[in-house]
């Protein structure tokens, strides 16, 4: 699955005004896309005030969505489902779904292809364990597609999305040993001190 991840700041708009406009702007893409999701961070320390995922079956269709507008970041990605519970499709809500988004930067000496290979070889096994041994409902891993010659470098190299039923389930996940194992594995392919690395809680709505 290919998708365009959109990220934007609200600038001088009020939170409710920005949310309404963000939902409307991305909702206009529903007819051409396979699926559109919009996520709003629940905390003040997020690097962006709005996220959106516009899903397509081909990379060519996804590329048609890309634009170069000020105040907005867009990353073309390929998404993989790393693991999910058997009833995840029924349990995950279409509105105000709790989700953890992690933006991840690769080690400086790794190509995008090597970064993706490292992630899918070992790290994905730990992501799958999250859906087996903790309350996490689904884990999705997305990898930035290398830009065309002369294009802008993507804001992130990888994005990890953890779907949960509640914040209490998030706390239960953190209490398990798996997050520590994941952080240890990340040292092999993640630039741990990169300024664009981020982890935030959002509420997602499928339009």
Foldseek 3Di string as FASTA:
>chain_A
DKKKKKFFAPPPDDLVVSVVVVCVVQVVCPVVFPWKKKKAFPDDPDPGGIIMITHHPDLVSRVVPDDDDPRMAMFMKDKDWLAFDPCLVVLADQWQWKKKKKFFAWPPVDDLVRLVVLCVPPVSVLVRVCRVPAQFGTKMKIAGDADDVPDDDHLGGMMIMTTHRDVVSVVRSVPDCSVVVNVVSCVVITPVPDPSTDMTIITMHID
